[in-house]
Each structure stands twice: as C-alpha cells, then as structure tokens.
C-alpha cells in the first residue's frame, strides 16, 4: 500500500490541498465503478462495460459522458455543491482522453479510487496536473473537463 509521501509524490497537488484516505487498497474495482457505487466490478471496456457504449481504446471523454447518462447523469456547468444532487467530475488529458472520474460527497469534497490503490476524499485540484514523463512517478489525471449531476 502506498504511503502518504508516495501519494504526494505521485499527485503533487495533494501537497497543497486537503485530502484523507477513506479505504484500503483493492483491485476489485476502479474509479468508474466507485463513482457508480459498484465495489464488485472493474469497469473497463475489456471487462465490465455496458453493451451499447463504445469499447474503443483509449477511452474518450465523450464515451464516459454517454456511460454516465445511462445512469441518469446529465451535463452541468460546475462542481459547486448543490443540495439534492450528486455530481461527478471527469478528468481528461490534453487530447481529451479519459483519465479519471470522481464523485462529490455531501460535504462538498470529492471521493476517488486511485487505480489499484485506496479511495481518498480530496479537493478536485488534488489529482489534477500533467502526466510525468519517462520513469517519473507523477500520475496526475490531467484536468477536470466536464461535470455531470443527477438527483440524490
């Protein structure tokens, strides 16, 4: 399990934002599954994926938006806390390829599954940034490019 200093090296913006670990590491599910409240499946075009959603790799942001719409999410303007709504944020790289997805908690913070690692509660900026190059441990997820919401 990665320790706190390792996570801060992987996600440099965690060092300047508030965050906390909320679960132990597991490979049972990923960030998409976590956002969809599914801790039993690894949501990926090669494993568990809705049949009517494109399985093209790498996954484009538009594909994730379509997937979320199947679960009653609709595009919205921002990630501001909104009573009665669950919001999600989609992170993408410079080419608009999907990198990560996070769900807003009722307290306004965001929750994410970090790959095969643990779940954390964090500020949106904590996981943002450009990917490292070569052997760099830096793994930021790009930037938040879209928000979606549905009734709580």
Foldseek 3Di string as FASTA:
>chain_A
DDDPVLLCQQQVLCVVWDKDFDDFFAQQEFFVCVQVVHSRHHDALVGDHDPVADNDPPAAPVSVQVRVVVVVKDWDDDLAQDPQKKKKWFFAAPVRGTQHMWIADNVSWIWGQDNRGTIMTIHQSRQADHADDDPRSHNRRHHTDTMIMHGD
